[in-house]
Protein backbone atom coordinates (compact mmCIF):
# COMPACT_ATOMS: atom_id res chain seq x y z
CA UNK A 1 0.00 0.00 0.00
CA UNK A 2 1.27 3.43 -0.89
CA UNK A 3 1.73 5.87 1.97
CA UNK A 4 0.10 9.18 1.15
CA UNK A 5 -0.39 10.50 4.66
CA UNK A 6 1.68 12.42 7.16
CA UNK A 7 1.15 12.15 10.87
CA UNK A 8 0.81 15.67 12.25
CA UNK A 9 -0.73 16.27 15.66
CA UNK A 10 -3.11 19.15 16.33
CA UNK A 11 -3.22 20.89 12.93
CA UNK A 12 -6.20 23.11 12.22
CA UNK A 13 -7.91 22.55 8.84
CA UNK A 14 -7.41 26.22 7.96
CA UNK A 15 -3.61 25.80 8.25
CA UNK A 16 -3.34 22.88 5.81
CA UNK A 17 -1.77 23.24 2.38
CA UNK A 18 -4.12 23.41 -0.60
CA UNK A 19 -5.64 19.99 -1.34
CA UNK A 20 -4.55 18.42 1.97
CA UNK A 21 -7.14 17.21 4.46
CA UNK A 22 -7.35 15.58 7.88
CA UNK A 23 -8.19 11.90 8.23
CA UNK A 24 -8.51 9.47 11.11
CA UNK A 25 -6.79 6.11 10.74
CA UNK A 26 -7.21 3.01 12.86
CA UNK A 27 -3.84 1.54 13.76
CA UNK A 28 -3.09 -1.74 15.49
CA UNK A 29 -0.77 -1.07 18.44
CA UNK A 30 1.68 -3.33 20.31
CA UNK A 31 -1.07 -4.55 22.68
CA UNK A 32 -3.13 -5.79 19.70
CA UNK A 33 -5.75 -3.11 20.27
CA UNK A 34 -6.73 -0.34 17.90
CA UNK A 35 -5.61 3.25 18.27
CA UNK A 36 -7.12 6.12 16.32
CA UNK A 37 -4.43 8.30 14.78
CA UNK A 38 -5.15 11.64 13.15
CA UNK A 39 -3.14 12.22 9.99
CA UNK A 40 -2.96 14.54 7.01
CA UNK A 41 -3.74 13.17 3.55
CA UNK A 42 -2.23 14.92 0.57
CA UNK A 43 -3.56 14.95 -2.99
CA UNK A 44 -1.99 12.56 -5.49
CA UNK A 45 0.77 13.97 -7.66
CA UNK A 46 0.97 13.52 -11.45
CA UNK A 47 3.38 10.54 -11.14
CA UNK A 48 0.92 8.70 -8.87
CA UNK A 49 -1.97 9.49 -11.23
CA UNK A 50 0.10 8.15 -14.15
CA UNK A 51 0.57 4.90 -12.21
CA UNK A 52 -3.21 4.56 -11.99
CA UNK A 53 -3.75 5.52 -8.35
CA UNK A 54 -7.11 7.04 -7.40
CA UNK A 55 -7.66 9.34 -4.46
CA UNK A 56 -10.23 7.91 -2.05
CA UNK A 57 -12.19 10.76 -0.57
CA UNK A 58 -14.87 11.07 2.03
CA UNK A 59 -17.49 13.66 1.11
CA UNK A 60 -16.98 16.75 3.25
CA UNK A 61 -19.23 19.68 2.41
CA UNK A 62 -17.44 21.98 4.84
CA UNK A 63 -14.07 21.85 3.10
CA UNK A 64 -13.84 22.25 -0.69
CA UNK A 65 -10.53 22.14 -2.56
CA UNK A 66 -10.58 23.85 -5.96
CA UNK A 67 -7.95 23.13 -8.61
CA UNK A 68 -7.33 25.09 -11.82
CA UNK A 69 -5.78 22.56 -14.18
CA UNK A 70 -5.29 21.59 -17.81
CA UNK A 71 -7.01 18.59 -19.38
CA UNK A 72 -3.83 16.45 -19.29
CA UNK A 73 -3.80 16.79 -15.48
CA UNK A 74 -7.41 15.71 -14.85
CA UNK A 75 -7.54 12.44 -12.86
CA UNK A 76 -8.47 9.44 -15.02
CA UNK A 77 -11.68 8.64 -13.14
CA UNK A 78 -13.12 12.08 -14.02
CA UNK A 79 -12.63 12.09 -17.80
CA UNK A 80 -16.15 10.77 -18.40
CA UNK A 81 -17.49 13.95 -16.77
CA UNK A 82 -15.80 16.32 -19.24
CA UNK A 83 -18.35 18.18 -21.34
CA UNK A 84 -16.96 19.63 -24.54
CA UNK A 85 -18.77 22.91 -24.18
CA UNK A 86 -16.85 25.95 -23.07
CA UNK A 87 -17.54 28.90 -20.84
CA UNK A 88 -15.70 32.14 -21.55
CA UNK A 89 -14.43 33.83 -18.41
CA UNK A 90 -13.64 37.42 -17.58
CA UNK A 91 -9.93 36.77 -18.31
CA UNK A 92 -10.85 35.92 -21.96
CA UNK A 93 -9.97 32.23 -21.51
CA UNK A 94 -12.29 29.32 -22.19
CA UNK A 95 -12.99 26.67 -19.57
CA UNK A 96 -14.83 23.36 -19.55
CA UNK A 97 -17.79 23.04 -17.21
CA UNK A 98 -16.52 22.65 -13.62
CA UNK A 99 -16.17 19.04 -12.48
CA UNK A 100 -17.07 18.25 -8.89
CA UNK A 101 -15.85 15.09 -7.21
CA UNK A 102 -16.71 14.94 -3.53
CA UNK A 103 -14.74 17.77 -1.89
CA UNK A 104 -12.43 18.34 -4.92
CA UNK A 105 -13.59 20.73 -7.64
CA UNK A 106 -11.73 21.07 -10.94
CA UNK A 107 -11.78 23.97 -13.39
CA UNK A 108 -10.16 22.88 -16.64
CA UNK A 109 -8.70 25.49 -18.95
CA UNK A 110 -9.34 24.81 -22.65
CA UNK A 111 -6.24 24.88 -24.87
CA UNK A 112 -5.52 24.38 -28.56
CA UNK A 113 -3.98 20.98 -27.70
CA UNK A 114 -7.08 19.44 -26.15
CA UNK A 115 -8.17 17.44 -29.22
CA UNK A 116 -4.73 15.82 -29.36
CA UNK A 117 -4.93 15.15 -25.61
CA UNK A 118 -8.34 13.45 -26.04
CA UNK A 119 -6.87 11.26 -28.81
CA UNK A 120 -3.86 10.35 -26.66
CA UNK A 121 -6.13 9.46 -23.73
CA UNK A 122 -8.30 7.26 -25.94
CA UNK A 123 -5.27 5.49 -27.44
CA UNK A 124 -3.54 4.89 -24.11
CA UNK A 125 -6.63 3.31 -22.56
CA UNK A 126 -7.39 1.19 -25.62
CA UNK A 127 -7.24 -2.59 -25.15
CA UNK A 128 -4.80 -2.69 -28.06
CA UNK A 129 -2.91 0.61 -27.99
CA UNK A 130 -1.43 1.73 -31.31
CA UNK A 131 2.12 2.61 -30.27
CA UNK A 132 2.86 4.50 -33.48
CA UNK A 133 -0.12 6.80 -32.91
CA UNK A 134 0.76 7.22 -29.23
CA UNK A 135 4.37 8.04 -30.15
CA UNK A 136 3.29 10.62 -32.72
CA UNK A 137 0.79 12.27 -30.36
CA UNK A 138 3.27 12.19 -27.47
CA UNK A 139 6.04 13.86 -29.51
CA UNK A 140 3.63 16.49 -30.84
CA UNK A 141 2.32 17.32 -27.35
CA UNK A 142 5.81 17.23 -25.83
CA UNK A 143 6.96 19.87 -28.35
CA UNK A 144 4.05 22.01 -27.16
CA UNK A 145 5.22 21.51 -23.54
CA UNK A 146 2.10 19.66 -22.38
CA UNK A 147 2.60 18.17 -18.90
CA UNK A 148 0.59 15.88 -16.64
CA UNK A 149 -0.07 12.28 -15.76
CA UNK A 150 -1.25 11.47 -19.29
CA UNK A 151 2.12 12.44 -20.76
CA UNK A 152 3.95 10.47 -18.07
CA UNK A 153 1.80 7.41 -18.78
CA UNK A 154 2.40 7.73 -22.55
CA UNK A 155 6.16 8.05 -21.99
CA UNK A 156 6.21 5.01 -19.69
CA UNK A 157 4.15 2.97 -22.16
CA UNK A 158 6.52 3.83 -25.01
CA UNK A 159 9.58 2.91 -22.89
CA UNK A 160 8.11 -0.48 -21.95
CA UNK A 161 7.33 -1.35 -25.55
CA UNK A 162 10.84 -0.62 -26.88
């Protein structure tokens, strides 16, 4: 099991870093009884998302974490919620409709690379990925400096198949 928590005593929720939240864990102690330990859970990074990890969240209406991201950074389990309609904001940028997942909210900025990113996502998750197509899309997006778990996963897939 991957450790994604830090044990920190007596930390107020308002003092936590963005995306972090308090959790209570049950731990078996030396006397074979259970202790409840309060810890801090941190959001998954892009490497962990590329490895297929999913953040398990308890719904907490009091504490909402909002992330402004690009499509290539959106966690895999939320791609089905992307609606390809855009909202223009006051800063003259276009955004997809906000995606809400428990206490994490995502605003995704639309870019000129999004169609290529959708194609790369579809190819990577295919039962029979076309490595030539993935390689072409990866190189094209890499030249445009696209980052995120999707690019890491594509790179790792291409390295394994060499």
